[in-house]
C-alpha cells in the first residue's frame, strides 16, 4: 500500500490510530510516482524493449477492502468497528476510493478502461474473519463500492475460509463466480445450499499426498454432484513426482468424464453415482482429514 506522506511501501503496522489512517487516506496520491511504482514501471519498460514480441504484464495490484484494512491497521482493525463504528465506516469508504483510484491507474498502464465493461475480480480473504452479523455494515457496502467503481460487467471474488453463515451474503453483491479456494469449514454441498452463485472447488497441492488416485477422482465427482460449476488444482513445488503426477491425471480424467456426462444430459445425481462407497463416506464428512 502506498502512503502519500513519505512514499514508502510498508507491509507492517502502518497507522497507530484510526483517525491517523483516515487523515492519510484523505491525501491525494500520484500512484505513478509513489513508493516502488517508478521502479516497477521502469522495469516493465525495459522488459518490453527486451521482449518486444511478448505481452509483459504489470502485477502490481491491490487486495480487497477488508484485507487492505487489515494490512493498514493489523489486529487493531478487529476492534475498530466496536470502538468507533462511524469512523471505521469512513475509513473503509476512503480506503475503497483509494483502491479504485489505484486500480484505474494500473489499468491505464495496461491500456485498459478504468471501468471495465467485461468484469472485475476481488481477493478479500480477511473478510472471512469478520462475523456474519458484521457483514451488512462492514463488508457488503464496501464490496459494492469496489465493484461499482471498477466494472459494469461480471463480478468475481476469491475469499478463503468463509463459514456457512457468511456464504448467503455472496448473492447480495451479484457475484458471477465465487472461488472459495481453501475453505475447510464449508464444502460444495453447503455452498449450493446457502447461495446460488456459481463456484469452483479447489484441490490444493498439499491435499495430494494422503489421497489415492481413486480418491482424487471421487473428489471431482462429488464436487460436481454437489453443485460445483468447475473444479481446479494448481501445480506447485513438491508435486513433480511420479505418484502425484498420476493423481493429477486422475483429476483430469474425472473432470473430462463429468464434462462429457453433463454435456450429454446427465444429472448431477447421476454424476454422484460415479463416487465410490469409500468416497461418499470421505467427501465431505471426513474432509479434510
Protein backbone atom coordinates (compact mmCIF):
# COMPACT_ATOMS: atom_id res chain seq x y z
CA UNK A 1 0.00 0.00 0.00
CA UNK A 2 1.36 3.43 -0.95
CA UNK A 3 1.01 6.30 1.51
CA UNK A 4 1.43 9.87 0.27
CA UNK A 5 3.25 11.35 3.25
CA UNK A 6 6.55 9.51 2.76
CA UNK A 7 6.03 7.45 -0.40
CA UNK A 8 7.21 4.29 1.28
CA UNK A 9 5.78 0.83 0.81
CA UNK A 10 5.29 -0.81 4.17
CA UNK A 11 3.61 -4.08 4.97
CA UNK A 12 3.74 -3.68 8.75
CA UNK A 13 1.50 -1.81 11.15
CA UNK A 14 1.11 1.45 9.22
CA UNK A 15 -1.14 3.56 11.43
CA UNK A 16 -1.10 3.91 15.19
CA UNK A 17 -4.66 5.25 15.33
CA UNK A 18 -7.79 5.05 13.24
CA UNK A 19 -8.05 8.87 12.92
CA UNK A 20 -4.49 8.91 11.58
CA UNK A 21 -5.42 6.33 8.95
CA UNK A 22 -8.45 8.37 7.89
CA UNK A 23 -6.39 11.56 7.55
CA UNK A 24 -3.72 9.82 5.48
CA UNK A 25 -6.34 8.39 3.14
CA UNK A 26 -7.75 11.86 2.53
CA UNK A 27 -4.46 12.98 0.95
CA UNK A 28 -4.09 12.68 -2.85
CA UNK A 29 -1.63 10.16 -4.26
CA UNK A 30 0.23 10.20 -7.57
CA UNK A 31 0.37 6.44 -7.95
CA UNK A 32 2.82 6.60 -10.86
CA UNK A 33 5.36 8.45 -8.72
CA UNK A 34 4.79 6.99 -5.25
CA UNK A 35 6.51 4.13 -3.48
CA UNK A 36 8.08 1.48 -5.70
CA UNK A 37 5.91 2.34 -8.71
CA UNK A 38 8.66 4.23 -10.62
CA UNK A 39 10.99 1.24 -10.25
CA UNK A 40 8.40 -1.27 -11.48
CA UNK A 41 7.23 0.97 -14.31
CA UNK A 42 10.82 1.35 -15.49
CA UNK A 43 11.42 -2.37 -15.08
CA UNK A 44 8.38 -3.09 -17.23
CA UNK A 45 9.57 -0.65 -19.90
CA UNK A 46 12.93 -2.43 -20.07
CA UNK A 47 11.26 -5.84 -20.29
CA UNK A 48 9.03 -4.65 -23.12
CA UNK A 49 12.08 -3.39 -25.00
CA UNK A 50 13.95 -6.65 -24.45
CA UNK A 51 10.95 -8.86 -25.33
CA UNK A 52 9.15 -6.79 -27.94
CA UNK A 53 7.01 -9.71 -29.11
CA UNK A 54 5.86 -10.70 -25.63
CA UNK A 55 2.90 -9.45 -23.59
CA UNK A 56 4.55 -8.03 -20.47
CA UNK A 57 2.19 -7.71 -17.53
CA UNK A 58 2.26 -5.39 -14.52
CA UNK A 59 1.46 -7.48 -11.45
CA UNK A 60 1.32 -4.63 -9.01
CA UNK A 61 -2.26 -4.89 -7.86
CA UNK A 62 -4.49 -4.21 -4.86
CA UNK A 63 -6.26 -6.54 -2.45
CA UNK A 64 -9.89 -6.22 -1.42
CA UNK A 65 -11.24 -3.74 1.15
CA UNK A 66 -11.12 -5.79 4.35
CA UNK A 67 -7.74 -7.35 3.61
CA UNK A 68 -6.29 -3.92 2.86
CA UNK A 69 -7.83 -2.51 6.04
CA UNK A 70 -6.10 -5.25 7.99
CA UNK A 71 -2.80 -4.51 6.23
CA UNK A 72 -3.00 -0.93 7.47
CA UNK A 73 -4.39 -1.45 10.97
CA UNK A 74 -3.32 -5.04 11.64
CA UNK A 75 -5.10 -6.63 14.62
CA UNK A 76 -6.42 -3.26 15.79
CA UNK A 77 -8.80 -3.32 12.82
CA UNK A 78 -10.87 -6.02 14.52
CA UNK A 79 -11.54 -3.65 17.43
CA UNK A 80 -12.28 -0.59 15.27
CA UNK A 81 -15.93 -1.43 14.42
CA UNK A 82 -16.70 -1.77 18.12
CA UNK A 83 -14.65 1.17 19.39
CA UNK A 84 -15.57 3.66 16.66
CA UNK A 85 -18.05 2.28 14.11
CA UNK A 86 -18.73 5.57 12.32
CA UNK A 87 -15.05 6.37 11.83
CA UNK A 88 -14.41 2.79 10.74
CA UNK A 89 -17.01 3.21 8.02
CA UNK A 90 -15.39 6.44 6.86
CA UNK A 91 -12.02 4.68 6.89
CA UNK A 92 -13.37 1.85 4.74
CA UNK A 93 -15.11 4.22 2.33
CA UNK A 94 -11.93 6.26 1.82
CA UNK A 95 -9.89 3.08 1.56
CA UNK A 96 -12.08 1.70 -1.23
CA UNK A 97 -11.88 5.06 -3.04
CA UNK A 98 -8.09 4.67 -2.92
CA UNK A 99 -8.22 1.05 -4.13
CA UNK A 100 -10.43 2.11 -7.05
CA UNK A 101 -8.14 5.02 -7.93
CA UNK A 102 -5.08 2.78 -7.80
CA UNK A 103 -6.75 0.07 -9.90
CA UNK A 104 -7.71 2.61 -12.53
CA UNK A 105 -4.09 3.80 -12.59
CA UNK A 106 -2.99 0.19 -13.03
CA UNK A 107 -5.43 -0.31 -15.86
CA UNK A 108 -4.22 2.85 -17.59
CA UNK A 109 -0.71 1.38 -17.59
CA UNK A 110 -2.08 -1.75 -19.24
CA UNK A 111 -4.13 0.22 -21.76
CA UNK A 112 -7.41 -0.95 -20.24
CA UNK A 113 -10.54 1.09 -19.43
CA UNK A 114 -10.79 2.40 -15.87
CA UNK A 115 -14.27 0.94 -15.54
CA UNK A 116 -14.22 -2.47 -17.18
CA UNK A 117 -17.30 -3.47 -19.21
CA UNK A 118 -16.15 -7.10 -19.03
CA UNK A 119 -15.75 -7.58 -15.29
CA UNK A 120 -13.59 -7.24 -12.19
CA UNK A 121 -12.31 -9.67 -9.61
CA UNK A 122 -11.51 -9.20 -5.95
CA UNK A 123 -9.39 -11.08 -3.42
CA UNK A 124 -10.51 -10.39 0.15
CA UNK A 125 -9.63 -13.33 2.39
CA UNK A 126 -9.63 -11.35 5.64
CA UNK A 127 -13.37 -10.66 5.19
CA UNK A 128 -13.91 -14.19 6.48
CA UNK A 129 -12.58 -13.06 9.88
CA UNK A 130 -15.48 -10.68 10.45
CA UNK A 131 -18.53 -12.39 11.96
CA UNK A 132 -21.68 -12.77 9.84
CA UNK A 133 -23.54 -10.18 11.93
CA UNK A 134 -20.97 -7.56 10.91
CA UNK A 135 -21.18 -8.16 7.16
CA UNK A 136 -24.20 -5.95 6.35
CA UNK A 137 -22.45 -2.91 7.85
CA UNK A 138 -18.74 -3.55 7.49
CA UNK A 139 -18.27 -5.78 4.43
CA UNK A 140 -21.06 -5.65 1.86
CA UNK A 141 -21.26 -1.84 1.42
CA UNK A 142 -17.54 -1.68 0.63
CA UNK A 143 -17.62 -4.65 -1.71
CA UNK A 144 -20.46 -2.91 -3.58
CA UNK A 145 -18.49 0.33 -3.67
CA UNK A 146 -15.49 -1.60 -5.01
CA UNK A 147 -17.39 -3.28 -7.86
CA UNK A 148 -19.47 -0.21 -8.71
CA UNK A 149 -16.28 1.79 -9.13
CA UNK A 150 -14.49 -0.75 -11.31
CA UNK A 151 -16.92 -2.60 -13.56
CA UNK A 152 -20.26 -2.67 -15.29
CA UNK A 153 -19.72 -6.34 -16.09
CA UNK A 154 -19.23 -9.61 -14.24
CA UNK A 155 -18.18 -9.62 -10.60
CA UNK A 156 -15.91 -12.38 -9.32
CA UNK A 157 -14.44 -12.92 -5.87
CA UNK A 158 -11.82 -15.07 -4.17
CA UNK A 159 -12.45 -15.32 -0.42
CA UNK A 160 -10.90 -18.10 1.63
CA UNK A 161 -12.16 -19.64 4.85
CA UNK A 162 -15.79 -18.48 4.75
CA UNK A 163 -18.25 -20.13 7.11
CA UNK A 164 -21.70 -21.36 6.13
CA UNK A 165 -23.37 -18.34 7.76
CA UNK A 166 -21.36 -15.96 5.55
CA UNK A 167 -21.99 -17.70 2.23
CA UNK A 168 -25.55 -16.34 1.68
CA UNK A 169 -24.17 -12.79 1.53
CA UNK A 170 -22.42 -13.63 -1.74
CA UNK A 171 -25.75 -13.43 -3.56
CA UNK A 172 -26.34 -9.90 -2.30
CA UNK A 173 -23.46 -8.46 -4.31
CA UNK A 174 -24.49 -10.17 -7.57
CA UNK A 175 -21.39 -12.32 -7.93
CA UNK A 176 -20.92 -14.12 -11.23
CA UNK A 177 -18.34 -16.51 -9.79
CA UNK A 178 -17.02 -17.35 -6.32
CA UNK A 179 -13.68 -19.01 -5.61
CA UNK A 180 -13.61 -20.37 -2.03
CA UNK A 181 -10.10 -21.73 -2.61
CA UNK A 182 -9.03 -23.29 0.71
CA UNK A 183 -12.08 -23.13 2.96
CA UNK A 184 -12.17 -26.11 5.34
CA UNK A 185 -15.37 -25.04 7.14
CA UNK A 186 -17.55 -25.33 4.02
CA UNK A 187 -17.90 -27.70 1.08
CA UNK A 188 -19.77 -27.79 -2.25
CA UNK A 189 -22.96 -29.11 -0.66
CA UNK A 190 -23.01 -26.24 1.86
CA UNK A 191 -22.27 -23.58 -0.75
CA UNK A 192 -25.01 -24.89 -3.06
CA UNK A 193 -27.48 -24.95 -0.19
CA UNK A 194 -26.67 -21.45 1.06
CA UNK A 195 -26.47 -19.47 -2.20
CA UNK A 196 -26.98 -19.66 -5.96
CA UNK A 197 -23.66 -18.13 -7.00
CA UNK A 198 -21.65 -20.35 -9.39
CA UNK A 199 -18.44 -21.53 -7.74
CA UNK A 200 -15.33 -23.62 -8.22
CA UNK A 201 -13.82 -26.15 -5.84
CA UNK A 202 -10.07 -26.46 -5.45
CA UNK A 203 -7.89 -29.46 -4.73
CA UNK A 204 -4.82 -27.91 -3.12
CA UNK A 205 -1.31 -29.15 -3.79
CA UNK A 206 -0.97 -30.17 -0.12
CA UNK A 207 -4.08 -32.35 -0.40
CA UNK A 208 -2.46 -34.82 -2.81
CA UNK A 209 -0.06 -36.83 -0.60
CA UNK A 210 -2.68 -38.58 1.59
CA UNK A 211 -5.11 -39.20 -1.30
CA UNK A 212 -5.11 -42.13 -3.69
CA UNK A 213 -5.74 -41.62 -7.40
CA UNK A 214 -9.23 -43.06 -6.93
CA UNK A 215 -9.95 -40.66 -4.07
CA UNK A 216 -8.86 -37.75 -6.26
CA UNK A 217 -11.41 -38.88 -8.87
CA UNK A 218 -14.04 -39.18 -6.13
CA UNK A 219 -13.24 -35.60 -5.08
CA UNK A 220 -14.05 -34.40 -8.60
CA UNK A 221 -17.23 -36.48 -8.97
CA UNK A 222 -18.59 -35.49 -5.54
CA UNK A 223 -17.82 -31.79 -6.03
CA UNK A 224 -19.69 -31.82 -9.34
CA UNK A 225 -22.56 -33.82 -7.89
CA UNK A 226 -22.93 -31.31 -5.07
CA UNK A 227 -23.13 -28.30 -7.36
CA UNK A 228 -19.63 -27.03 -8.16
CA UNK A 229 -19.54 -25.28 -11.53
CA UNK A 230 -15.94 -26.40 -12.00
CA UNK A 231 -13.03 -27.95 -10.14
CA UNK A 232 -9.44 -26.86 -10.34
CA UNK A 233 -6.00 -27.60 -8.99
CA UNK A 234 -2.65 -25.83 -9.04
CA UNK A 235 0.67 -27.46 -9.83
CA UNK A 236 3.17 -26.46 -7.14
CA UNK A 237 6.55 -27.38 -5.75
CA UNK A 238 6.58 -30.89 -4.34
CA UNK A 239 4.03 -32.26 -6.83
CA UNK A 240 6.52 -33.19 -9.55
CA UNK A 241 6.90 -36.83 -8.60
CA UNK A 242 5.51 -39.99 -10.15
CA UNK A 243 2.76 -40.74 -7.59
CA UNK A 244 1.39 -37.18 -7.69
CA UNK A 245 1.57 -36.97 -11.48
CA UNK A 246 -0.72 -40.00 -11.71
CA UNK A 247 -3.13 -38.39 -9.23
CA UNK A 248 -3.21 -35.20 -11.33
CA UNK A 249 -4.01 -37.31 -14.40
CA UNK A 250 -6.80 -38.93 -12.40
CA UNK A 251 -8.12 -35.45 -11.60
CA UNK A 252 -8.07 -34.53 -15.30
CA UNK A 253 -9.72 -37.78 -16.41
CA UNK A 254 -12.52 -37.41 -13.88
CA UNK A 255 -13.08 -33.79 -14.91
CA UNK A 256 -13.36 -34.75 -18.56
CA UNK A 257 -15.76 -37.55 -17.69
CA UNK A 258 -18.01 -35.16 -15.76
CA UNK A 259 -17.90 -32.63 -18.58
CA UNK A 260 -18.91 -35.31 -21.08
CA UNK A 261 -21.71 -36.64 -18.87
CA UNK A 262 -23.23 -33.21 -18.26
CA UNK A 263 -22.95 -32.23 -21.93
CA UNK A 264 -24.86 -35.38 -22.84
CA UNK A 265 -27.69 -34.56 -20.46
CA UNK A 266 -26.73 -36.44 -17.29
CA UNK A 267 -27.97 -35.01 -14.00
CA UNK A 268 -25.69 -34.16 -11.10
CA UNK A 269 -27.31 -37.00 -9.20
CA UNK A 270 -26.12 -39.35 -11.94
CA UNK A 271 -22.63 -37.86 -11.71
CA UNK A 272 -22.74 -38.62 -7.99
CA UNK A 273 -23.23 -42.29 -8.78
CA UNK A 274 -19.63 -42.31 -10.05
CA UNK A 275 -18.38 -41.72 -6.50
CA UNK A 276 -17.16 -44.89 -4.80
CA UNK A 277 -18.69 -46.02 -1.50
CA UNK A 278 -15.48 -45.02 0.29
CA UNK A 279 -15.56 -41.64 -1.43
CA UNK A 280 -19.13 -40.99 -0.31
CA UNK A 281 -18.02 -41.52 3.28
CA UNK A 282 -14.96 -39.33 2.89
CA UNK A 283 -16.43 -36.39 0.98
CA UNK A 284 -17.39 -34.32 2.83
CA UNK A 285 -17.90 -35.67 6.36
CA UNK A 286 -14.23 -36.59 6.68
CA UNK A 287 -12.74 -33.87 4.51
CA UNK A 288 -10.20 -32.53 5.07
CA UNK A 289 -8.66 -35.26 7.18
